[in-house]
Each structure stands twice: as C-alpha cells, then as structure tokens.
Amino acid sequence: MGTIAASVVLMRWELLSAVMMFFASTFKIKCRQSSRNAMAFVFSGIGIGMSCWFVTGLLGITLSVENVSHTWQVTKDVFVEVMSHTPDTMLLP
C-alpha cells in the first residue's frame, strides 16, 4: 500500500496530465460527432497542451522564463545562421 501511495505522490502531475489528455480526447470526439467544431478545436488544444506538459514532466524539464527565453534566443540564432547560408536564388521569387 505504501508503494502505491508513494508512486501516486511522485507521479501526481504526470497522472493528472494523462487523465486530462484522456478527457480532452473523449470530449473532442463527442464534440465532433455533434458538429461542435469550435469546442472540438478547444479540446484539441487542451490535449496538445497536456501532452506537452506530460512529456516535459517525464523528461524533467522545468519551464521557467529564463529557460523559455534562452530556447527562443537559440532558435532565433540558428534560424538567422541557416538563412545566412541560403543562396539568393532561393530567397527571391
């Protein structure tokens, strides 16, 4: 019993995100069947967000302002570097 309790405590956010992904998928299917496309789109977004949260939790990635800004800066630098090596004929129509 102690092992189950410890695993639930340690995996609480991952379990919550997995349950939320399940509910988002279920509600999305129900909304698509009843032609509520806007609500299905919202539930799709919730499902994608929960799956990203699930993966970041499993990988041990913490989302902070510093990490997000650093990732954005590296992405921007790589994009600028790649675009500087493209030939001019590819950039102009």
PDB file of N, CA and C in Angstrom:
ATOM      1  N   MET A   1       0.820  -1.197   0.000  1.00  0.00           N
ATOM      2  CA  MET A   1       0.000   0.000   0.000  1.00  0.00           C
ATOM      3  C   MET A   1       0.861   1.257   0.000  1.00  0.00           C
ATOM      4  N   GLY A   2       1.967   1.182   0.747  1.00  0.00           N
ATOM      5  CA  GLY A   2       2.874   2.325   0.789  1.00  0.00           C
ATOM      6  C   GLY A   2       3.519   2.601  -0.555  1.00  0.00           C
ATOM      7  N   THR A   3       3.798   1.544  -1.307  1.00  0.00           N
ATOM      8  CA  THR A   3       4.395   1.710  -2.633  1.00  0.00           C
ATOM      9  C   THR A   3       3.437   2.404  -3.583  1.00  0.00           C
ATOM     10  N   ILE A   4       2.187   2.016  -3.525  1.00  0.00           N
ATOM     11  CA  ILE A   4       1.177   2.655  -4.384  1.00  0.00           C
ATOM     12  C   ILE A   4       1.010   4.116  -4.005  1.00  0.00           C
ATOM     13  N   ALA A   5       0.959   4.408  -2.720  1.00  0.00           N
ATOM     14  CA  ALA A   5       0.812   5.791  -2.273  1.00  0.00           C
ATOM     15  C   ALA A   5       2.013   6.628  -2.686  1.00  0.00           C
ATOM     16  N   ALA A   6       3.205   6.070  -2.545  1.00  0.00           N
ATOM     17  CA  ALA A   6       4.410   6.803  -2.935  1.00  0.00           C
ATOM     18  C   ALA A   6       4.444   7.059  -4.436  1.00  0.00           C
ATOM     19  N   SER A   7       4.036   6.070  -5.222  1.00  0.00           N
ATOM     20  CA  SER A   7       4.049   6.267  -6.676  1.00  0.00           C
ATOM     21  C   SER A   7       3.024   7.301  -7.106  1.00  0.00           C
ATOM     22  N   VAL A   8       1.868   7.328  -6.450  1.00  0.00           N
ATOM     23  CA  VAL A   8       0.858   8.335  -6.784  1.00  0.00           C
ATOM     24  C   VAL A   8       1.357   9.726  -6.418  1.00  0.00           C
ATOM     25  N   VAL A   9       2.026   9.848  -5.272  1.00  0.00           N
ATOM     26  CA  VAL A   9       2.553  11.154  -4.863  1.00  0.00           C
ATOM     27  C   VAL A   9       3.640  11.621  -5.820  1.00  0.00           C
ATOM     28  N   LEU A  10       4.524  10.717  -6.234  1.00  0.00           N
ATOM     29  CA  LEU A  10       5.624  11.094  -7.116  1.00  0.00           C
ATOM     30  C   LEU A  10       5.160  11.360  -8.544  1.00  0.00           C
ATOM     31  N   MET A  11       4.120  10.693  -8.976  1.00  0.00           N
ATOM     32  CA  MET A  11       3.659  10.826 -10.355  1.00  0.00           C
ATOM     33  C   MET A  11       2.380  11.650 -10.468  1.00  0.00           C
ATOM     34  N   ARG A  12       2.065  12.458  -9.490  1.00  0.00           N
ATOM     35  CA  ARG A  12       0.769  13.134  -9.475  1.00  0.00           C
ATOM     36  C   ARG A  12       0.551  14.028 -10.688  1.00  0.00           C
ATOM     37  N   TRP A  13       1.554  14.801 -11.104  1.00  0.00           N
ATOM     38  CA  TRP A  13       1.347  15.709 -12.230  1.00  0.00           C
ATOM     39  C   TRP A  13       1.285  14.944 -13.539  1.00  0.00           C
ATOM     40  N   GLU A  14       2.084  13.893 -13.654  1.00  0.00           N
ATOM     41  CA  GLU A  14       2.033  13.090 -14.868  1.00  0.00           C
ATOM     42  C   GLU A  14       0.705  12.350 -14.967  1.00  0.00           C
ATOM     43  N   LEU A  15       0.216  11.845 -13.841  1.00  0.00           N
ATOM     44  CA  LEU A  15      -1.094  11.179 -13.851  1.00  0.00           C
ATOM     45  C   LEU A  15      -2.207  12.161 -14.174  1.00  0.00           C
ATOM     46  N   LEU A  16      -2.135  13.354 -13.603  1.00  0.00           N
ATOM     47  CA  LEU A  16      -3.140  14.373 -13.890  1.00  0.00           C
ATOM     48  C   LEU A  16      -3.129  14.740 -15.366  1.00  0.00           C
ATOM     49  N   SER A  17      -1.956  14.919 -15.935  1.00  0.00           N
ATOM     50  CA  SER A  17      -1.895  15.276 -17.353  1.00  0.00           C
ATOM     51  C   SER A  17      -2.383  14.131 -18.236  1.00  0.00           C
ATOM     52  N   ALA A  18      -2.102  12.887 -17.851  1.00  0.00           N
ATOM     53  CA  ALA A  18      -2.595  11.753 -18.626  1.00  0.00           C
ATOM     54  C   ALA A  18      -4.113  11.659 -18.573  1.00  0.00           C
ATOM     55  N   VAL A  19      -4.693  11.890 -17.411  1.00  0.00           N
ATOM     56  CA  VAL A  19      -6.159  11.887 -17.280  1.00  0.00           C
ATOM     57  C   VAL A  19      -6.763  13.032 -18.078  1.00  0.00           C
ATOM     58  N   MET A  20      -6.127  14.199 -18.038  1.00  0.00           N
ATOM     59  CA  MET A  20      -6.632  15.344 -18.807  1.00  0.00           C
ATOM     60  C   MET A  20      -6.550  15.087 -20.312  1.00  0.00           C
ATOM     61  N   MET A  21      -5.485  14.415 -20.762  1.00  0.00           N
ATOM     62  CA  MET A  21      -5.395  14.059 -22.179  1.00  0.00           C
ATOM     63  C   MET A  21      -6.523  13.122 -22.575  1.00  0.00           C
ATOM     64  N   PHE A  22      -6.827  12.165 -21.713  1.00  0.00           N
ATOM     65  CA  PHE A  22      -7.912  11.230 -21.987  1.00  0.00           C
ATOM     66  C   PHE A  22      -9.253  11.959 -22.086  1.00  0.00           C
ATOM     67  N   PHE A  23      -9.541  12.829 -21.121  1.00  0.00           N
ATOM     68  CA  PHE A  23     -10.804  13.567 -21.151  1.00  0.00           C
ATOM     69  C   PHE A  23     -10.883  14.510 -22.351  1.00  0.00           C
ATOM     70  N   ALA A  24      -9.776  15.166 -22.684  1.00  0.00           N
ATOM     71  CA  ALA A  24      -9.777  16.061 -23.838  1.00  0.00           C
ATOM     72  C   ALA A  24     -10.058  15.287 -25.119  1.00  0.00           C
ATOM     73  N   SER A  25      -9.468  14.104 -25.247  1.00  0.00           N
ATOM     74  CA  SER A  25      -9.709  13.278 -26.427  1.00  0.00           C
ATOM     75  C   SER A  25     -11.164  12.821 -26.492  1.00  0.00           C
ATOM     76  N   THR A  26     -11.696  12.399 -25.350  1.00  0.00           N
ATOM     77  CA  THR A  26     -13.087  11.940 -25.300  1.00  0.00           C
ATOM     78  C   THR A  26     -14.051  13.066 -25.648  1.00  0.00           C
ATOM     79  N   PHE A  27     -13.830  14.243 -25.042  1.00  0.00           N
ATOM     80  CA  PHE A  27     -14.722  15.377 -25.314  1.00  0.00           C
ATOM     81  C   PHE A  27     -14.585  15.868 -26.748  1.00  0.00           C
ATOM     82  N   LYS A  28     -13.385  15.793 -27.302  1.00  0.00           N
ATOM     83  CA  LYS A  28     -13.185  16.192 -28.694  1.00  0.00           C
ATOM     84  C   LYS A  28     -13.994  15.290 -29.625  1.00  0.00           C
ATOM     85  N   ILE A  29     -13.952  13.994 -29.379  1.00  0.00           N
ATOM     86  CA  ILE A  29     -14.715  13.060 -30.210  1.00  0.00           C
ATOM     87  C   ILE A  29     -16.209  13.334 -30.102  1.00  0.00           C
ATOM     88  N   LYS A  30     -16.689  13.554 -28.879  1.00  0.00           N
ATOM     89  CA  LYS A  30     -18.121  13.845 -28.678  1.00  0.00           C
ATOM     90  C   LYS A  30     -18.522  15.136 -29.370  1.00  0.00           C
ATOM     91  N   CYS A  31     -17.663  16.153 -29.304  1.00  0.00           N
ATOM     92  CA  CYS A  31     -17.978  17.431 -29.952  1.00  0.00           C
ATOM     93  C   CYS A  31     -17.966  17.297 -31.472  1.00  0.00           C
ATOM     94  N   ARG A  32     -17.035  16.517 -32.017  1.00  0.00           N
ATOM     95  CA  ARG A  32     -17.008  16.304 -33.475  1.00  0.00           C
ATOM     96  C   ARG A  32     -18.269  15.583 -33.946  1.00  0.00           C
ATOM     97  N   GLN A  33     -18.751  14.610 -33.156  1.00  0.00           N
ATOM     98  CA  GLN A  33     -19.944  13.863 -33.533  1.00  0.00           C
ATOM     99  C   GLN A  33     -21.187  14.739 -33.501  1.00  0.00           C
ATOM    100  N   SER A  34     -21.209  15.726 -32.612  1.00  0.00           N
ATOM    101  CA  SER A  34     -22.378  16.597 -32.525  1.00  0.00           C
ATOM    102  C   SER A  34     -22.168  17.920 -33.269  1.00  0.00           C
ATOM    103  N   SER A  35     -21.187  17.979 -34.157  1.00  0.00           N
ATOM    104  CA  SER A  35     -20.903  19.129 -35.031  1.00  0.00           C
ATOM    105  C   SER A  35     -20.610  20.406 -34.244  1.00  0.00           C
ATOM    106  N   ARG A  36     -19.923  20.284 -33.151  1.00  0.00           N
ATOM    107  CA  ARG A  36     -19.451  21.453 -32.397  1.00  0.00           C
ATOM    108  C   ARG A  36     -17.951  21.582 -32.646  1.00  0.00           C
ATOM    109  N   ASN A  37     -17.626  22.105 -33.818  1.00  0.00           N
ATOM    110  CA  ASN A  37     -16.239  22.126 -34.259  1.00  0.00           C
ATOM    111  C   ASN A  37     -15.380  23.071 -33.441  1.00  0.00           C
ATOM    112  N   ALA A  38     -15.925  24.191 -32.988  1.00  0.00           N
ATOM    113  CA  ALA A  38     -15.145  25.137 -32.193  1.00  0.00           C
ATOM    114  C   ALA A  38     -14.742  24.517 -30.859  1.00  0.00           C
ATOM    115  N   MET A  39     -15.681  23.838 -30.217  1.00  0.00           N
ATOM    116  CA  MET A  39     -15.359  23.188 -28.952  1.00  0.00           C
ATOM    117  C   MET A  39     -14.380  22.034 -29.158  1.00  0.00           C
ATOM    118  N   ALA A  40     -14.512  21.329 -30.274  1.00  0.00           N
ATOM    119  CA  ALA A  40     -13.568  20.250 -30.586  1.00  0.00           C
ATOM    120  C   ALA A  40     -12.159  20.818 -30.768  1.00  0.00           C
ATOM    121  N   PHE A  41     -12.063  21.983 -31.385  1.00  0.00           N
ATOM    122  CA  PHE A  41     -10.773  22.648 -31.563  1.00  0.00           C
ATOM    123  C   PHE A  41     -10.170  23.033 -30.206  1.00  0.00           C
ATOM    124  N   VAL A  42     -10.999  23.535 -29.303  1.00  0.00           N
ATOM    125  CA  VAL A  42     -10.534  23.899 -27.960  1.00  0.00           C
ATOM    126  C   VAL A  42     -10.022  22.665 -27.226  1.00  0.00           C
ATOM    127  N   PHE A  43     -10.767  21.571 -27.286  1.00  0.00           N
ATOM    128  CA  PHE A  43     -10.330  20.353 -26.625  1.00  0.00           C
ATOM    129  C   PHE A  43      -9.081  19.769 -27.270  1.00  0.00           C
ATOM    130  N   SER A  44      -8.914  19.959 -28.570  1.00  0.00           N
ATOM    131  CA  SER A  44      -7.675  19.533 -29.219  1.00  0.00           C
ATOM    132  C   SER A  44      -6.498  20.317 -28.668  1.00  0.00           C
ATOM    133  N   GLY A  45      -6.665  21.611 -28.497  1.00  0.00           N
ATOM    134  CA  GLY A  45      -5.613  22.444 -27.920  1.00  0.00           C
ATOM    135  C   GLY A  45      -5.275  22.044 -26.498  1.00  0.00           C
ATOM    136  N   ILE A  46      -6.308  21.731 -25.720  1.00  0.00           N
ATOM    137  CA  ILE A  46      -6.076  21.273 -24.345  1.00  0.00           C
ATOM    138  C   ILE A  46      -5.299  19.954 -24.355  1.00  0.00           C
ATOM    139  N   GLY A  47      -5.675  19.045 -25.247  1.00  0.00           N
ATOM    140  CA  GLY A  47      -4.976  17.764 -25.348  1.00  0.00           C
ATOM    141  C   GLY A  47      -3.517  17.931 -25.734  1.00  0.00           C
ATOM    142  N   ILE A  48      -3.245  18.824 -26.681  1.00  0.00           N
ATOM    143  CA  ILE A  48      -1.857  19.073 -27.092  1.00  0.00           C
ATOM    144  C   ILE A  48      -1.069  19.698 -25.953  1.00  0.00           C
ATOM    145  N   GLY A  49      -1.685  20.648 -25.250  1.00  0.00           N
ATOM    146  CA  GLY A  49      -1.011  21.265 -24.109  1.00  0.00           C
ATOM    147  C   GLY A  49      -0.706  20.265 -23.004  1.00  0.00           C
ATOM    148  N   MET A  50      -1.665  19.404 -22.727  1.00  0.00           N
ATOM    149  CA  MET A  50      -1.450  18.390 -21.693  1.00  0.00           C
ATOM    150  C   MET A  50      -0.384  17.377 -22.104  1.00  0.00           C
ATOM    151  N   SER A  51      -0.324  17.030 -23.390  1.00  0.00           N
ATOM    152  CA  SER A  51       0.701  16.088 -23.823  1.00  0.00           C
ATOM    153  C   SER A  51       2.092  16.723 -23.728  1.00  0.00           C
ATOM    154  N   CYS A  52       2.204  18.007 -24.035  1.00  0.00           N
ATOM    155  CA  CYS A  52       3.490  18.700 -23.865  1.00  0.00           C
ATOM    156  C   CYS A  52       3.879  18.753 -22.393  1.00  0.00           C
ATOM    157  N   TRP A  53       2.908  19.017 -21.523  1.00  0.00           N
ATOM    158  CA  TRP A  53       3.163  19.056 -20.079  1.00  0.00           C
ATOM    159  C   TRP A  53       3.589  17.675 -19.589  1.00  0.00           C
ATOM    160  N   PHE A  54       2.951  16.635 -20.108  1.00  0.00           N
ATOM    161  CA  PHE A  54       3.289  15.256 -19.741  1.00  0.00           C
ATOM    162  C   PHE A  54       4.731  14.931 -20.115  1.00  0.00           C
ATOM    163  N   VAL A  55       5.120  15.277 -21.319  1.00  0.00           N
ATOM    164  CA  VAL A  55       6.470  14.967 -21.791  1.00  0.00           C
ATOM    165  C   VAL A  55       7.510  15.772 -21.026  1.00  0.00           C
ATOM    166  N   THR A  56       7.253  17.049 -20.803  1.00  0.00           N
ATOM    167  CA  THR A  56       8.225  17.843 -20.050  1.00  0.00           C
ATOM    168  C   THR A  56       8.360  17.339 -18.620  1.00  0.00           C
ATOM    169  N   GLY A  57       7.274  16.854 -18.038  1.00  0.00           N
ATOM    170  CA  GLY A  57       7.343  16.285 -16.694  1.00  0.00           C
ATOM    171  C   GLY A  57       8.140  14.996 -16.668  1.00  0.00           C
ATOM    172  N   LEU A  58       7.952  14.153 -17.666  1.00  0.00           N
ATOM    173  CA  LEU A  58       8.695  12.893 -17.708  1.00  0.00           C
ATOM    174  C   LEU A  58      10.181  13.108 -17.965  1.00  0.00           C
ATOM    175  N   LEU A  59      10.495  14.111 -18.774  1.00  0.00           N
ATOM    176  CA  LEU A  59      11.900  14.383 -19.080  1.00  0.00           C
ATOM    177  C   LEU A  59      12.583  15.223 -18.014  1.00  0.00           C
ATOM    178  N   GLY A  60      11.810  15.746 -17.068  1.00  0.00           N
ATOM    179  CA  GLY A  60      12.393  16.558 -16.007  1.00  0.00           C
ATOM    180  C   GLY A  60      12.709  17.976 -16.429  1.00  0.00           C
ATOM    181  N   ILE A  61      12.066  18.447 -17.466  1.00  0.00           N
ATOM    182  CA  ILE A  61      12.297  19.795 -17.954  1.00  0.00           C
ATOM    183  C   ILE A  61      11.422  20.756 -17.165  1.00  0.00           C
ATOM    184  N   THR A  62      12.029  21.776 -16.611  1.00  0.00           N
ATOM    185  CA  THR A  62      11.255  22.785 -15.896  1.00  0.00           C
ATOM    186  C   THR A  62      11.076  23.987 -16.815  1.00  0.00           C
ATOM    187  N   LEU A  63       9.871  24.475 -16.880  1.00  0.00           N
ATOM    188  CA  LEU A  63       9.583  25.627 -17.728  1.00  0.00           C
ATOM    189  C   LEU A  63       9.634  26.885 -16.880  1.00  0.00           C
ATOM    190  N   SER A  64      10.643  27.689 -17.110  1.00  0.00           N
ATOM    191  CA  SER A  64      10.758  28.969 -16.437  1.00  0.00           C
ATOM    192  C   SER A  64      10.969  30.043 -17.498  1.00  0.00           C
ATOM    193  N   VAL A  65      10.864  31.271 -17.086  1.00  0.00           N
ATOM    194  CA  VAL A  65      11.022  32.372 -18.036  1.00  0.00           C
ATOM    195  C   VAL A  65      12.432  32.361 -18.621  1.00  0.00           C
ATOM    196  N   GLU A  66      13.410  32.044 -17.799  1.00  0.00           N
ATOM    197  CA  GLU A  66      14.793  32.020 -18.281  1.00  0.00           C
ATOM    198  C   GLU A  66      15.000  30.915 -19.308  1.00  0.00           C
ATOM    199  N   ASN A  67      14.448  29.727 -19.048  1.00  0.00           N
ATOM    200  CA  ASN A  67      14.603  28.615 -19.991  1.00  0.00           C
ATOM    201  C   ASN A  67      13.900  28.900 -21.311  1.00  0.00           C
ATOM    202  N   VAL A  68      12.697  29.449 -21.240  1.00  0.00           N
ATOM    203  CA  VAL A  68      11.948  29.742 -22.464  1.00  0.00           C
ATOM    204  C   VAL A  68      12.649  30.831 -23.267  1.00  0.00           C
ATOM    205  N   SER A  69      13.130  31.879 -22.595  1.00  0.00           N
ATOM    206  CA  SER A  69      13.813  32.950 -23.326  1.00  0.00           C
ATOM    207  C   SER A  69      15.132  32.457 -23.915  1.00  0.00           C
ATOM    208  N   HIS A  70      15.843  31.590 -23.195  1.00  0.00           N
ATOM    209  CA  HIS A  70      17.081  31.024 -23.738  1.00  0.00           C
ATOM    210  C   HIS A  70      16.800  30.155 -24.954  1.00  0.00           C
ATOM    211  N   THR A  71      15.762  29.333 -24.879  1.00  0.00           N
ATOM    212  CA  THR A  71      15.392  28.484 -26.017  1.00  0.00           C
ATOM    213  C   THR A  71      15.008  29.336 -27.223  1.00  0.00           C
ATOM    214  N   TRP A  72      14.243  30.395 -26.993  1.00  0.00           N
ATOM    215  CA  TRP A  72      13.847  31.283 -28.085  1.00  0.00           C
ATOM    216  C   TRP A  72      15.072  31.961 -28.696  1.00  0.00           C
ATOM    217  N   GLN A  73      16.018  32.390 -27.876  1.00  0.00           N
ATOM    218  CA  GLN A  73      17.220  33.045 -28.377  1.00  0.00           C
ATOM    219  C   GLN A  73      18.048  32.088 -29.225  1.00  0.00           C
ATOM    220  N   VAL A  74      18.210  30.848 -28.771  1.00  0.00           N
ATOM    221  CA  VAL A  74      18.973  29.852 -29.532  1.00  0.00           C
ATOM    222  C   VAL A  74      18.264  29.546 -30.852  1.00  0.00           C
ATOM    223  N   THR A  75      16.934  29.409 -30.809  1.00  0.00           N
ATOM    224  CA  THR A  75      16.166  29.155 -32.028  1.00  0.00           C
ATOM    225  C   THR A  75      16.338  30.296 -33.024  1.00  0.00           C
ATOM    226  N   LYS A  76      16.273  31.521 -32.541  1.00  0.00           N
ATOM    227  CA  LYS A  76      16.434  32.686 -33.417  1.00  0.00           C
ATOM    228  C   LYS A  76      17.838  32.732 -34.008  1.00  0.00           C
ATOM    229  N   ASP A  77      18.860  32.461 -33.189  1.00  0.00           N
ATOM    230  CA  ASP A  77      20.235  32.476 -33.692  1.00  0.00           C
ATOM    231  C   ASP A  77      20.459  31.404 -34.751  1.00  0.00           C
ATOM    232  N   VAL A  78      19.916  30.212 -34.539  1.00  0.00           N
ATOM    233  CA  VAL A  78      20.061  29.133 -35.520  1.00  0.00           C
ATOM    234  C   VAL A  78      19.333  29.488 -36.809  1.00  0.00           C
ATOM    235  N   PHE A  79      18.141  30.071 -36.706  1.00  0.00           N
ATOM    236  CA  PHE A  79      17.394  30.460 -37.906  1.00  0.00           C
ATOM    237  C   PHE A  79      18.166  31.501 -38.710  1.00  0.00           C
ATOM    238  N   VAL A  80      18.705  32.497 -38.027  1.00  0.00           N
ATOM    239  CA  VAL A  80      19.470  33.539 -38.721  1.00  0.00           C
ATOM    240  C   VAL A  80      20.719  32.932 -39.366  1.00  0.00           C
ATOM    241  N   GLU A  81      21.381  32.017 -38.669  1.00  0.00           N
ATOM    242  CA  GLU A  81      22.575  31.370 -39.216  1.00  0.00           C
ATOM    243  C   GLU A  81      22.237  30.551 -40.456  1.00  0.00           C
ATOM    244  N   VAL A  82      21.152  29.786 -40.416  1.00  0.00           N
ATOM    245  CA  VAL A  82      20.756  28.971 -41.563  1.00  0.00           C
ATOM    246  C   VAL A  82      20.352  29.860 -42.730  1.00  0.00           C
ATOM    247  N   MET A  83      19.612  30.916 -42.455  1.00  0.00           N
ATOM    248  CA  MET A  83      19.169  31.802 -43.537  1.00  0.00           C
ATOM    249  C   MET A  83      20.334  32.568 -44.147  1.00  0.00           C
ATOM    250  N   SER A  84      21.400  32.792 -43.389  1.00  0.00           N
ATOM    251  CA  SER A  84      22.543  33.494 -43.965  1.00  0.00           C
ATOM    252  C   SER A  84      23.306  32.618 -44.951  1.00  0.00           C
ATOM    253  N   HIS A  85      23.132  31.304 -44.889  1.00  0.00           N
ATOM    254  CA  HIS A  85      23.820  30.389 -45.802  1.00  0.00           C
ATOM    255  C   HIS A  85      22.974  29.993 -47.001  1.00  0.00           C
ATOM    256  N   THR A  86      21.733  30.432 -47.083  1.00  0.00           N
ATOM    257  CA  THR A  86      20.904  30.062 -48.223  1.00  0.00           C
ATOM    258  C   THR A  86      21.290  30.921 -49.436  1.00  0.00           C
ATOM    259  N   PRO A  87      21.257  30.338 -50.610  1.00  0.00           N
ATOM    260  CA  PRO A  87      21.572  31.116 -51.810  1.00  0.00           C
ATOM    261  C   PRO A  87      20.492  32.175 -52.083  1.00  0.00           C
ATOM    262  N   ASP A  88      20.904  33.252 -52.720  1.00  0.00           N
ATOM    263  CA  ASP A  88      19.968  34.335 -53.024  1.00  0.00           C
ATOM    264  C   ASP A  88      18.854  33.896 -53.978  1.00  0.00           C
ATOM    265  N   THR A  89      19.122  32.904 -54.801  1.00  0.00           N
ATOM    266  CA  THR A  89      18.104  32.471 -55.752  1.00  0.00           C
ATOM    267  C   THR A  89      16.943  31.777 -55.037  1.00  0.00           C
ATOM    268  N   MET A  90      17.176  31.239 -53.854  1.00  0.00           N
ATOM    269  CA  MET A  90      16.099  30.602 -53.097  1.00  0.00           C
ATOM    270  C   MET A  90      15.236  31.626 -52.380  1.00  0.00           C
ATOM    271  N   LEU A  91      15.781  32.800 -52.087  1.00  0.00           N
ATOM    272  CA  LEU A  91      15.053  33.803 -51.323  1.00  0.00           C
ATOM    273  C   LEU A  91      14.173  34.677 -52.194  1.00  0.00           C
ATOM    274  N   LEU A  92      14.566  34.872 -53.437  1.00  0.00           N
ATOM    275  CA  LEU A  92      13.792  35.732 -54.327  1.00  0.00           C
ATOM    276  C   LEU A  92      12.922  34.884 -55.240  1.00  0.00           C
ATOM    277  N   PRO A  93      11.708  35.370 -55.555  1.00  0.00           N
ATOM    278  CA  PRO A  93      10.841  34.594 -56.451  1.00  0.00           C
ATOM    279  C   PRO A  93      11.297  34.604 -57.890  1.00  0.00           C
TER     280      PRO A  93
END
